Amino acid sequence: MVDLASAKLFCRVDHDDDDAVITAAIAAATDHLESIGVDTSSSPVPPAVEQAILMLVAFFYDHRDDTEAKPQGMIDRLVSPYREGWL
């Protein structure tokens, strides 16, 4: 599972001011992937799923005030093999 330290490193954040924002982004990214049928509870989390979580966290962090931005493309390709029922 992606932790705060990993997410901060990925987002290039070296202060503690936004820890709550990043923690919420981790929860939202994980919840989003689970909502589309991706198992995020396996241990260890597959590297592609972890990368997708980190990418979503960075997207949510960078665009926290932008209601028009939409992450897709690469994230969908990373997680598609891990969705339930994927062939």
Protein backbone atom coordinates (compact mmCIF):
# COMPACT_ATOMS: atom_id res chain seq x y z
CA MET A 1 0.00 0.00 0.00
CA VAL A 2 1.14 3.53 -0.72
CA ASP A 3 2.10 5.40 2.43
CA LEU A 4 2.47 9.13 3.08
CA ALA A 5 6.27 9.12 2.74
CA SER A 6 6.13 7.40 -0.66
CA ALA A 7 3.44 9.75 -1.92
CA LYS A 8 5.33 12.84 -0.74
CA LEU A 9 8.49 11.61 -2.47
CA PHE A 10 6.57 10.94 -5.69
CA CYS A 11 4.90 14.38 -5.51
CA ARG A 12 8.21 16.05 -4.67
CA VAL A 13 6.82 17.51 -1.45
CA ASP A 14 9.42 18.12 1.24
CA HIS A 15 7.29 19.85 3.86
CA ASP A 16 4.56 18.70 6.23
CA ASP A 17 2.03 21.45 5.49
CA ASP A 18 0.05 19.31 3.03
CA ASP A 19 0.22 15.94 4.81
CA ALA A 20 -3.54 15.90 5.37
CA VAL A 21 -4.19 16.74 1.70
CA ILE A 22 -1.85 14.01 0.50
CA THR A 23 -3.26 11.46 2.96
CA ALA A 24 -6.76 12.26 1.67
CA ALA A 25 -5.51 11.90 -1.92
CA ILE A 26 -4.09 8.44 -1.12
CA ALA A 27 -7.47 7.40 0.28
CA ALA A 28 -9.33 8.87 -2.71
CA ALA A 29 -6.99 7.23 -5.24
CA THR A 30 -7.29 3.86 -3.53
CA ASP A 31 -11.07 4.21 -3.28
CA HIS A 32 -11.31 5.16 -6.95
CA LEU A 33 -9.34 2.12 -8.08
CA GLU A 34 -11.41 -0.15 -5.84
CA SER A 35 -14.60 1.37 -7.29
CA ILE A 36 -13.57 0.27 -10.78
CA GLY A 37 -12.81 -3.26 -9.62
CA VAL A 38 -9.06 -3.08 -8.90
CA ASP A 39 -7.88 -5.08 -5.88
CA THR A 40 -5.70 -2.72 -3.84
CA SER A 41 -5.63 -4.93 -0.75
CA SER A 42 -3.20 -7.60 -1.94
CA SER A 43 0.14 -7.79 -0.24
CA PRO A 44 2.28 -6.75 -1.86
CA VAL A 45 0.30 -4.44 -4.12
CA PRO A 46 1.37 -5.10 -7.73
CA PRO A 47 3.83 -2.43 -8.93
CA ALA A 48 1.49 -1.22 -11.67
CA VAL A 49 -1.33 -0.70 -9.17
CA GLU A 50 1.02 1.12 -6.78
CA GLN A 51 2.17 3.33 -9.66
CA ALA A 52 -1.44 4.08 -10.59
CA ILE A 53 -2.18 5.10 -6.99
CA LEU A 54 0.88 7.36 -6.93
CA MET A 55 -0.06 8.91 -10.28
CA LEU A 56 -3.58 9.59 -9.06
CA VAL A 57 -2.28 11.07 -5.81
CA ALA A 58 0.03 13.40 -7.75
CA PHE A 59 -2.81 14.34 -10.08
CA PHE A 60 -5.19 15.02 -7.19
CA TYR A 61 -2.51 17.01 -5.37
CA ASP A 62 -1.47 19.08 -8.39
CA HIS A 63 -5.06 19.74 -9.51
CA ARG A 64 -6.80 20.07 -6.15
CA ASP A 65 -8.36 23.39 -7.21
CA ASP A 66 -9.08 22.42 -10.84
CA THR A 67 -12.53 20.94 -11.36
CA GLU A 68 -12.04 20.45 -15.11
CA ALA A 69 -8.92 18.22 -15.11
CA LYS A 70 -9.37 14.49 -15.79
CA PRO A 71 -6.79 11.74 -15.24
CA GLN A 72 -7.06 8.79 -17.62
CA GLY A 73 -5.03 7.08 -20.30
CA MET A 74 -1.93 5.62 -18.70
CA ILE A 75 -3.66 4.94 -15.38
CA ASP A 76 -6.36 2.90 -17.12
CA ARG A 77 -3.70 0.89 -18.95
CA LEU A 78 -1.78 0.24 -15.73
CA VAL A 79 -4.74 -1.13 -13.79
CA SER A 80 -6.77 -2.92 -16.48
CA PRO A 81 -5.07 -6.30 -15.87
CA TYR A 82 -5.96 -6.04 -12.18
CA ARG A 83 -9.67 -5.34 -12.62
CA GLU A 84 -12.12 -8.05 -11.64
CA GLY A 85 -13.35 -9.98 -14.64
CA TRP A 86 -10.60 -8.70 -16.94
CA LEU A 87 -9.67 -11.18 -19.63
